[in-house]
């Protein structure tokens, strides 16, 4: 059984990675976002920041990556952020 956890987004690193108020690094599962050094990457980061920064999010950990980040499905206000980023064109399915 997968358990949703709750946290507040403390800062957004890039278009698919953020840090919680408890210093957990979380990366969005199933998405590819361009690097932050590109215009599309900056747009993705700014968009993710607008929808989750300083807000309470819920998440399910599906894996961990080589950098120790939690790979997660993320929700804000019952909206799956991973799917939303793909649907709006800020990310591609991975």
PDB file of N, CA and C in Angstrom:
ATOM      1  N   UNK A   1       0.833  -1.181   0.000  1.00  0.00           N
ATOM      2  CA  UNK A   1       0.000   0.000   0.000  1.00  0.00           C
ATOM      3  C   UNK A   1       0.882   1.250   0.000  1.00  0.00           C
ATOM      4  N   UNK A   2       0.590   2.175  -0.903  1.00  0.00           N
ATOM      5  CA  UNK A   2       1.340   3.421  -1.003  1.00  0.00           C
ATOM      6  C   UNK A   2       0.664   4.455  -0.113  1.00  0.00           C
ATOM      7  N   UNK A   3       1.472   5.166   0.646  1.00  0.00           N
ATOM      8  CA  UNK A   3       0.941   6.148   1.577  1.00  0.00           C
ATOM      9  C   UNK A   3       1.298   7.543   1.099  1.00  0.00           C
ATOM     10  N   UNK A   4       0.307   8.407   1.022  1.00  0.00           N
ATOM     11  CA  UNK A   4       0.573   9.804   0.682  1.00  0.00           C
ATOM     12  C   UNK A   4       1.153  10.501   1.900  1.00  0.00           C
ATOM     13  N   UNK A   5       2.158  11.309   1.639  1.00  0.00           N
ATOM     14  CA  UNK A   5       2.753  12.128   2.683  1.00  0.00           C
ATOM     15  C   UNK A   5       2.419  13.583   2.373  1.00  0.00           C
ATOM     16  N   UNK A   6       2.515  14.433   3.379  1.00  0.00           N
ATOM     17  CA  UNK A   6       2.175  15.837   3.231  1.00  0.00           C
ATOM     18  C   UNK A   6       3.367  16.679   3.670  1.00  0.00           C
ATOM     19  N   UNK A   7       3.628  17.742   2.915  1.00  0.00           N
ATOM     20  CA  UNK A   7       4.721  18.663   3.248  1.00  0.00           C
ATOM     21  C   UNK A   7       4.408  20.018   2.631  1.00  0.00           C
ATOM     22  N   UNK A   8       5.225  20.985   2.967  1.00  0.00           N
ATOM     23  CA  UNK A   8       5.141  22.295   2.330  1.00  0.00           C
ATOM     24  C   UNK A   8       6.347  22.452   1.421  1.00  0.00           C
ATOM     25  N   UNK A   9       6.114  22.908   0.205  1.00  0.00           N
ATOM     26  CA  UNK A   9       7.214  23.166  -0.718  1.00  0.00           C
ATOM     27  C   UNK A   9       7.951  24.409  -0.233  1.00  0.00           C
ATOM     28  N   UNK A  10       9.225  24.244   0.104  1.00  0.00           N
ATOM     29  CA  UNK A  10      10.027  25.363   0.614  1.00  0.00           C
ATOM     30  C   UNK A  10      10.721  26.123  -0.507  1.00  0.00           C
ATOM     31  N   UNK A  11      11.139  25.402  -1.557  1.00  0.00           N
ATOM     32  CA  UNK A  11      11.798  26.055  -2.685  1.00  0.00           C
ATOM     33  C   UNK A  11      11.756  25.147  -3.900  1.00  0.00           C
ATOM     34  N   UNK A  12      11.745  25.773  -5.072  1.00  0.00           N
ATOM     35  CA  UNK A  12      11.758  25.033  -6.339  1.00  0.00           C
ATOM     36  C   UNK A  12      13.151  25.163  -6.928  1.00  0.00           C
ATOM     37  N   UNK A  13      13.747  24.018  -7.258  1.00  0.00           N
ATOM     38  CA  UNK A  13      15.110  23.979  -7.789  1.00  0.00           C
ATOM     39  C   UNK A  13      15.103  24.193  -9.302  1.00  0.00           C
ATOM     40  N   UNK A  14      14.272  23.417  -9.992  1.00  0.00           N
ATOM     41  CA  UNK A  14      14.121  23.539 -11.441  1.00  0.00           C
ATOM     42  C   UNK A  14      12.728  23.055 -11.811  1.00  0.00           C
ATOM     43  N   UNK A  15      12.500  22.747 -13.059  1.00  0.00           N
ATOM     44  CA  UNK A  15      11.158  22.406 -13.515  1.00  0.00           C
ATOM     45  C   UNK A  15      10.621  21.079 -13.064  1.00  0.00           C
ATOM     46  N   UNK A  16      11.460  20.250 -12.440  1.00  0.00           N
ATOM     47  CA  UNK A  16      10.964  18.964 -11.948  1.00  0.00           C
ATOM     48  C   UNK A  16      11.496  18.584 -10.571  1.00  0.00           C
ATOM     49  N   UNK A  17      12.149  19.503  -9.886  1.00  0.00           N
ATOM     50  CA  UNK A  17      12.726  19.205  -8.577  1.00  0.00           C
ATOM     51  C   UNK A  17      12.465  20.347  -7.604  1.00  0.00           C
ATOM     52  N   UNK A  18      12.111  19.973  -6.386  1.00  0.00           N
ATOM     53  CA  UNK A  18      11.888  20.974  -5.341  1.00  0.00           C
ATOM     54  C   UNK A  18      12.299  20.401  -3.993  1.00  0.00           C
ATOM     55  N   UNK A  19      12.335  21.275  -3.003  1.00  0.00           N
ATOM     56  CA  UNK A  19      12.695  20.866  -1.647  1.00  0.00           C
ATOM     57  C   UNK A  19      11.548  21.210  -0.712  1.00  0.00           C
ATOM     58  N   UNK A  20      11.300  20.303   0.237  1.00  0.00           N
ATOM     59  CA  UNK A  20      10.229  20.528   1.201  1.00  0.00           C
ATOM     60  C   UNK A  20      10.753  21.268   2.418  1.00  0.00           C
ATOM     61  N   UNK A  21       9.833  21.666   3.278  1.00  0.00           N
ATOM     62  CA  UNK A  21      10.209  22.341   4.514  1.00  0.00           C
ATOM     63  C   UNK A  21      11.020  21.448   5.443  1.00  0.00           C
ATOM     64  N   UNK A  22      10.975  20.127   5.229  1.00  0.00           N
ATOM     65  CA  UNK A  22      11.786  19.204   6.031  1.00  0.00           C
ATOM     66  C   UNK A  22      13.068  18.801   5.310  1.00  0.00           C
ATOM     67  N   UNK A  23      13.460  19.590   4.298  1.00  0.00           N
ATOM     68  CA  UNK A  23      14.719  19.419   3.552  1.00  0.00           C
ATOM     69  C   UNK A  23      14.758  18.158   2.686  1.00  0.00           C
ATOM     70  N   UNK A  24      13.591  17.627   2.315  1.00  0.00           N
ATOM     71  CA  UNK A  24      13.535  16.479   1.413  1.00  0.00           C
ATOM     72  C   UNK A  24      13.555  16.991  -0.023  1.00  0.00           C
ATOM     73  N   UNK A  25      14.473  16.455  -0.828  1.00  0.00           N
ATOM     74  CA  UNK A  25      14.487  16.791  -2.266  1.00  0.00           C
ATOM     75  C   UNK A  25      13.552  15.831  -2.974  1.00  0.00           C
ATOM     76  N   UNK A  26      12.640  16.406  -3.746  1.00  0.00           N
ATOM     77  CA  UNK A  26      11.655  15.607  -4.468  1.00  0.00           C
ATOM     78  C   UNK A  26      11.740  15.949  -5.945  1.00  0.00           C
ATOM     79  N   UNK A  27      11.737  14.875  -6.757  1.00  0.00           N
ATOM     80  CA  UNK A  27      11.714  15.029  -8.215  1.00  0.00           C
ATOM     81  C   UNK A  27      10.403  14.450  -8.715  1.00  0.00           C
ATOM     82  N   UNK A  28       9.773  15.130  -9.659  1.00  0.00           N
ATOM     83  CA  UNK A  28       8.528  14.638 -10.229  1.00  0.00           C
ATOM     84  C   UNK A  28       8.774  13.347 -11.007  1.00  0.00           C
ATOM     85  N   UNK A  29       7.967  12.341 -10.753  1.00  0.00           N
ATOM     86  CA  UNK A  29       8.065  11.060 -11.461  1.00  0.00           C
ATOM     87  C   UNK A  29       7.470  11.183 -12.860  1.00  0.00           C
ATOM     88  N   UNK A  30       7.977  10.398 -13.785  1.00  0.00           N
ATOM     89  CA  UNK A  30       7.422  10.207 -15.133  1.00  0.00           C
ATOM     90  C   UNK A  30       7.528  11.407 -16.040  1.00  0.00           C
ATOM     91  N   UNK A  31       8.284  12.439 -15.661  1.00  0.00           N
ATOM     92  CA  UNK A  31       8.362  13.619 -16.520  1.00  0.00           C
ATOM     93  C   UNK A  31       9.802  13.924 -16.918  1.00  0.00           C
ATOM     94  N   UNK A  32       9.942  14.506 -18.096  1.00  0.00           N
ATOM     95  CA  UNK A  32      11.221  15.060 -18.543  1.00  0.00           C
ATOM     96  C   UNK A  32      10.997  16.553 -18.741  1.00  0.00           C
ATOM     97  N   UNK A  33      11.836  17.349 -18.103  1.00  0.00           N
ATOM     98  CA  UNK A  33      11.784  18.803 -18.238  1.00  0.00           C
ATOM     99  C   UNK A  33      13.136  19.271 -18.764  1.00  0.00           C
ATOM    100  N   UNK A  34      13.160  20.186 -19.725  1.00  0.00           N
ATOM    101  CA  UNK A  34      14.444  20.695 -20.230  1.00  0.00           C
ATOM    102  C   UNK A  34      15.308  21.278 -19.112  1.00  0.00           C
ATOM    103  N   UNK A  35      16.602  21.296 -19.328  1.00  0.00           N
ATOM    104  CA  UNK A  35      17.544  21.827 -18.340  1.00  0.00           C
ATOM    105  C   UNK A  35      17.260  23.295 -18.054  1.00  0.00           C
ATOM    106  N   UNK A  36      17.589  23.713 -16.855  1.00  0.00           N
ATOM    107  CA  UNK A  36      17.325  25.070 -16.394  1.00  0.00           C
ATOM    108  C   UNK A  36      18.098  26.116 -17.214  1.00  0.00           C
ATOM    109  N   UNK A  37      19.134  25.694 -17.901  1.00  0.00           N
ATOM    110  CA  UNK A  37      19.931  26.624 -18.713  1.00  0.00           C
ATOM    111  C   UNK A  37      19.236  26.994 -20.027  1.00  0.00           C
ATOM    112  N   UNK A  38      18.076  26.397 -20.290  1.00  0.00           N
ATOM    113  CA  UNK A  38      17.335  26.704 -21.514  1.00  0.00           C
ATOM    114  C   UNK A  38      16.115  27.565 -21.184  1.00  0.00           C
ATOM    115  N   UNK A  39      15.606  28.237 -22.187  1.00  0.00           N
ATOM    116  CA  UNK A  39      14.405  29.063 -22.002  1.00  0.00           C
ATOM    117  C   UNK A  39      13.220  28.206 -21.552  1.00  0.00           C
ATOM    118  N   UNK A  40      13.066  27.025 -22.152  1.00  0.00           N
ATOM    119  CA  UNK A  40      11.968  26.130 -21.767  1.00  0.00           C
ATOM    120  C   UNK A  40      12.137  25.637 -20.332  1.00  0.00           C
ATOM    121  N   UNK A  41      13.372  25.415 -19.918  1.00  0.00           N
ATOM    122  CA  UNK A  41      13.643  24.987 -18.549  1.00  0.00           C
ATOM    123  C   UNK A  41      13.302  26.070 -17.530  1.00  0.00           C
ATOM    124  N   UNK A  42      13.598  27.308 -17.868  1.00  0.00           N
ATOM    125  CA  UNK A  42      13.264  28.429 -16.984  1.00  0.00           C
ATOM    126  C   UNK A  42      11.745  28.576 -16.894  1.00  0.00           C
ATOM    127  N   UNK A  43      11.057  28.457 -18.023  1.00  0.00           N
ATOM    128  CA  UNK A  43       9.589  28.540 -18.025  1.00  0.00           C
ATOM    129  C   UNK A  43       8.980  27.435 -17.166  1.00  0.00           C
ATOM    130  N   UNK A  44       9.526  26.222 -17.286  1.00  0.00           N
ATOM    131  CA  UNK A  44       9.019  25.094 -16.489  1.00  0.00           C
ATOM    132  C   UNK A  44       9.247  25.349 -14.996  1.00  0.00           C
ATOM    133  N   UNK A  45      10.423  25.835 -14.636  1.00  0.00           N
ATOM    134  CA  UNK A  45      10.704  26.127 -13.226  1.00  0.00           C
ATOM    135  C   UNK A  45       9.769  27.209 -12.694  1.00  0.00           C
ATOM    136  N   UNK A  46       9.602  28.271 -13.459  1.00  0.00           N
ATOM    137  CA  UNK A  46       8.728  29.356 -13.022  1.00  0.00           C
ATOM    138  C   UNK A  46       7.286  28.894 -12.870  1.00  0.00           C
ATOM    139  N   UNK A  47       6.851  28.019 -13.752  1.00  0.00           N
ATOM    140  CA  UNK A  47       5.492  27.481 -13.672  1.00  0.00           C
ATOM    141  C   UNK A  47       5.336  26.587 -12.453  1.00  0.00           C
ATOM    142  N   UNK A  48       6.299  25.683 -12.236  1.00  0.00           N
ATOM    143  CA  UNK A  48       6.228  24.815 -11.062  1.00  0.00           C
ATOM    144  C   UNK A  48       6.237  25.664  -9.790  1.00  0.00           C
ATOM    145  N   UNK A  49       7.056  26.698  -9.779  1.00  0.00           N
ATOM    146  CA  UNK A  49       7.122  27.594  -8.623  1.00  0.00           C
ATOM    147  C   UNK A  49       5.761  28.252  -8.374  1.00  0.00           C
ATOM    148  N   UNK A  50       5.109  28.675  -9.434  1.00  0.00           N
ATOM    149  CA  UNK A  50       3.825  29.359  -9.297  1.00  0.00           C
ATOM    150  C   UNK A  50       2.743  28.447  -8.727  1.00  0.00           C
ATOM    151  N   UNK A  51       2.818  27.163  -9.030  1.00  0.00           N
ATOM    152  CA  UNK A  51       1.735  26.279  -8.571  1.00  0.00           C
ATOM    153  C   UNK A  51       2.026  25.563  -7.256  1.00  0.00           C
ATOM    154  N   UNK A  52       3.309  25.420  -6.850  1.00  0.00           N
ATOM    155  CA  UNK A  52       3.550  24.688  -5.596  1.00  0.00           C
ATOM    156  C   UNK A  52       4.379  25.426  -4.555  1.00  0.00           C
ATOM    157  N   UNK A  53       5.121  26.454  -4.918  1.00  0.00           N
ATOM    158  CA  UNK A  53       6.030  27.079  -3.942  1.00  0.00           C
ATOM    159  C   UNK A  53       5.258  27.657  -2.759  1.00  0.00           C
ATOM    160  N   UNK A  54       5.711  27.303  -1.551  1.00  0.00           N
ATOM    161  CA  UNK A  54       5.115  27.740  -0.273  1.00  0.00           C
ATOM    162  C   UNK A  54       3.717  27.183  -0.054  1.00  0.00           C
ATOM    163  N   UNK A  55       3.348  26.162  -0.814  1.00  0.00           N
ATOM    164  CA  UNK A  55       2.028  25.546  -0.664  1.00  0.00           C
ATOM    165  C   UNK A  55       2.169  24.152  -0.077  1.00  0.00           C
ATOM    166  N   UNK A  56       1.110  23.684   0.544  1.00  0.00           N
ATOM    167  CA  UNK A  56       1.070  22.323   1.061  1.00  0.00           C
ATOM    168  C   UNK A  56       0.816  21.390  -0.113  1.00  0.00           C
ATOM    169  N   UNK A  57       1.668  20.386  -0.229  1.00  0.00           N
ATOM    170  CA  UNK A  57       1.531  19.382  -1.286  1.00  0.00           C
ATOM    171  C   UNK A  57       1.405  18.011  -0.622  1.00  0.00           C
ATOM    172  N   UNK A  58       0.860  17.068  -1.363  1.00  0.00           N
ATOM    173  CA  UNK A  58       0.910  15.676  -0.928  1.00  0.00           C
ATOM    174  C   UNK A  58       1.683  14.923  -1.992  1.00  0.00           C
ATOM    175  N   UNK A  59       2.327  13.839  -1.567  1.00  0.00           N
ATOM    176  CA  UNK A  59       3.153  13.096  -2.515  1.00  0.00           C
ATOM    177  C   UNK A  59       3.246  11.631  -2.134  1.00  0.00           C
ATOM    178  N   UNK A  60       3.493  10.803  -3.155  1.00  0.00           N
ATOM    179  CA  UNK A  60       3.746   9.380  -2.976  1.00  0.00           C
ATOM    180  C   UNK A  60       5.122   9.094  -3.554  1.00  0.00           C
ATOM    181  N   UNK A  61       5.977   8.497  -2.759  1.00  0.00           N
ATOM    182  CA  UNK A  61       7.316   8.136  -3.215  1.00  0.00           C
ATOM    183  C   UNK A  61       7.205   6.850  -4.034  1.00  0.00           C
ATOM    184  N   UNK A  62       7.698   6.892  -5.287  1.00  0.00           N
ATOM    185  CA  UNK A  62       7.675   5.703  -6.135  1.00  0.00           C
ATOM    186  C   UNK A  62       9.072   5.118  -6.325  1.00  0.00           C
ATOM    187  N   UNK A  63      10.111   5.902  -6.049  1.00  0.00           N
ATOM    188  CA  UNK A  63      11.496   5.419  -6.188  1.00  0.00           C
ATOM    189  C   UNK A  63      12.434   6.461  -5.587  1.00  0.00           C
ATOM    190  N   UNK A  64      13.717   6.142  -5.623  1.00  0.00           N
ATOM    191  CA  UNK A  64      14.783   7.103  -5.278  1.00  0.00           C
ATOM    192  C   UNK A  64      15.781   7.078  -6.421  1.00  0.00           C
ATOM    193  N   UNK A  65      16.410   8.232  -6.682  1.00  0.00           N
ATOM    194  CA  UNK A  65      17.401   8.265  -7.754  1.00  0.00           C
ATOM    195  C   UNK A  65      18.812   8.185  -7.183  1.00  0.00           C
ATOM    196  N   UNK A  66      19.790   8.241  -8.076  1.00  0.00           N
ATOM    197  CA  UNK A  66      21.197   8.121  -7.679  1.00  0.00           C
ATOM    198  C   UNK A  66      21.676   9.277  -6.810  1.00  0.00           C
ATOM    199  N   UNK A  67      20.926  10.373  -6.790  1.00  0.00           N
ATOM    200  CA  UNK A  67      21.302  11.547  -6.004  1.00  0.00           C
ATOM    201  C   UNK A  67      20.590  11.591  -4.655  1.00  0.00           C
ATOM    202  N   UNK A  68      19.817  10.563  -4.344  1.00  0.00           N
ATOM    203  CA  UNK A  68      19.109  10.504  -3.074  1.00  0.00           C
ATOM    204  C   UNK A  68      17.767  11.209  -3.065  1.00  0.00           C
ATOM    205  N   UNK A  69      17.383  11.772  -4.219  1.00  0.00           N
ATOM    206  CA  UNK A  69      16.086  12.434  -4.281  1.00  0.00           C
ATOM    207  C   UNK A  69      14.970  11.390  -4.280  1.00  0.00           C
ATOM    208  N   UNK A  70      13.849  11.787  -3.722  1.00  0.00           N
ATOM    209  CA  UNK A  70      12.657  10.954  -3.791  1.00  0.00           C
ATOM    210  C   UNK A  70      11.980  11.240  -5.131  1.00  0.00           C
ATOM    211  N   UNK A  71      11.664  10.209  -5.864  1.00  0.00           N
ATOM    212  CA  UNK A  71      10.934  10.338  -7.126  1.00  0.00           C
ATOM    213  C   UNK A  71       9.467  10.130  -6.778  1.00  0.00           C
ATOM    214  N   UNK A  72       8.626  11.128  -7.071  1.00  0.00           N
ATOM    215  CA  UNK A  72       7.270  11.116  -6.524  1.00  0.00           C
ATOM    216  C   UNK A  72       6.195  11.539  -7.506  1.00  0.00           C
ATOM    217  N   UNK A  73       4.999  11.043  -7.222  1.00  0.00           N
ATOM    218  CA  UNK A  73       3.779  11.626  -7.764  1.00  0.00           C
ATOM    219  C   UNK A  73       3.407  12.724  -6.781  1.00  0.00           C
ATOM    220  N   UNK A  74       3.074  13.899  -7.283  1.00  0.00           N
ATOM    221  CA  UNK A  74       2.837  15.061  -6.422  1.00  0.00           C
ATOM    222  C   UNK A  74       1.468  15.656  -6.738  1.00  0.00           C
ATOM    223  N   UNK A  75       0.748  16.061  -5.681  1.00  0.00           N
ATOM    224  CA  UNK A  75      -0.558  16.696  -5.828  1.00  0.00           C
ATOM    225  C   UNK A  75      -0.594  18.012  -5.074  1.00  0.00           C
ATOM    226  N   UNK A  76      -1.316  18.954  -5.629  1.00  0.00           N
ATOM    227  CA  UNK A  76      -1.664  20.183  -4.931  1.00  0.00           C
ATOM    228  C   UNK A  76      -3.146  20.426  -5.225  1.00  0.00           C
ATOM    229  N   UNK A  77      -3.921  20.640  -4.184  1.00  0.00           N
ATOM    230  CA  UNK A  77      -5.377  20.828  -4.336  1.00  0.00           C
ATOM    231  C   UNK A  77      -6.011  19.710  -5.172  1.00  0.00           C
ATOM    232  N   UNK A  78      -5.615  18.486  -4.929  1.00  0.00           N
ATOM    233  CA  UNK A  78      -6.152  17.293  -5.589  1.00  0.00           C
ATOM    234  C   UNK A  78      -5.827  17.214  -7.080  1.00  0.00           C
ATOM    235  N   UNK A  79      -4.910  18.036  -7.563  1.00  0.00           N
ATOM    236  CA  UNK A  79      -4.478  18.002  -8.960  1.00  0.00           C
ATOM    237  C   UNK A  79      -3.102  17.340  -9.006  1.00  0.00           C
ATOM    238  N   UNK A  80      -2.946  16.326  -9.861  1.00  0.00           N
ATOM    239  CA  UNK A  80      -1.648  15.674 -10.015  1.00  0.00           C
ATOM    240  C   UNK A  80      -0.727  16.619 -10.787  1.00  0.00           C
ATOM    241  N   UNK A  81       0.297  17.118 -10.118  1.00  0.00           N
ATOM    242  CA  UNK A  81       1.218  18.099 -10.697  1.00  0.00           C
ATOM    243  C   UNK A  81       1.991  17.494 -11.865  1.00  0.00           C
ATOM    244  N   UNK A  82       2.394  16.228 -11.745  1.00  0.00           N
ATOM    245  CA  UNK A  82       3.135  15.558 -12.814  1.00  0.00           C
ATOM    246  C   UNK A  82       2.329  15.573 -14.106  1.00  0.00           C
ATOM    247  N   UNK A  83       1.068  15.131 -14.024  1.00  0.00           N
ATOM    248  CA  UNK A  83       0.195  15.097 -15.204  1.00  0.00           C
ATOM    249  C   UNK A  83      -0.079  16.501 -15.722  1.00  0.00           C
ATOM    250  N   UNK A  84      -0.273  17.459 -14.824  1.00  0.00           N
ATOM    251  CA  UNK A  84      -0.571  18.840 -15.212  1.00  0.00           C
ATOM    252  C   UNK A  84       0.586  19.442 -15.998  1.00  0.00           C
ATOM    253  N   UNK A  85       1.822  19.220 -15.534  1.00  0.00           N
ATOM    254  CA  UNK A  85       2.998  19.762 -16.237  1.00  0.00           C
ATOM    255  C   UNK A  85       3.097  19.188 -17.654  1.00  0.00           C
ATOM    256  N   UNK A  86       2.756  17.916 -17.803  1.00  0.00           N
ATOM    257  CA  UNK A  86       2.771  17.289 -19.133  1.00  0.00           C
ATOM    258  C   UNK A  86       1.636  17.860 -19.993  1.00  0.00           C
ATOM    259  N   UNK A  87       0.438  17.908 -19.438  1.00  0.00           N
ATOM    260  CA  UNK A  87      -0.733  18.372 -20.194  1.00  0.00           C
ATOM    261  C   UNK A  87      -0.571  19.806 -20.680  1.00  0.00           C
ATOM    262  N   UNK A  88       0.086  20.653 -19.896  1.00  0.00           N
ATOM    263  CA  UNK A  88       0.262  22.055 -20.262  1.00  0.00           C
ATOM    264  C   UNK A  88       1.500  22.294 -21.129  1.00  0.00           C
ATOM    265  N   UNK A  89       2.288  21.235 -21.397  1.00  0.00           N
ATOM    266  CA  UNK A  89       3.424  21.354 -22.301  1.00  0.00           C
ATOM    267  C   UNK A  89       4.728  21.781 -21.656  1.00  0.00           C
ATOM    268  N   UNK A  90       4.797  21.858 -20.336  1.00  0.00           N
ATOM    269  CA  UNK A  90       6.035  22.235 -19.652  1.00  0.00           C
ATOM    270  C   UNK A  90       6.964  21.052 -19.445  1.00  0.00           C
ATOM    271  N   UNK A  91       6.419  19.849 -19.570  1.00  0.00           N
ATOM    272  CA  UNK A  91       7.190  18.615 -19.418  1.00  0.00           C
ATOM    273  C   UNK A  91       6.717  17.613 -20.464  1.00  0.00           C
ATOM    274  N   UNK A  92       7.565  16.627 -20.715  1.00  0.00           N
ATOM    275  CA  UNK A  92       7.211  15.540 -21.620  1.00  0.00           C
ATOM    276  C   UNK A  92       7.166  14.252 -20.807  1.00  0.00           C
ATOM    277  N   UNK A  93       6.332  13.302 -21.237  1.00  0.00           N
ATOM    278  CA  UNK A  93       6.298  12.022 -20.516  1.00  0.00           C
ATOM    279  C   UNK A  93       7.650  11.330 -20.615  1.00  0.00           C
ATOM    280  N   UNK A  94       8.049  10.688 -19.558  1.00  0.00           N
ATOM    281  CA  UNK A  94       9.339   9.977 -19.562  1.00  0.00           C
ATOM    282  C   UNK A  94       9.103   8.512 -19.347  1.00  0.00           C
TER     283      UNK A  94
END
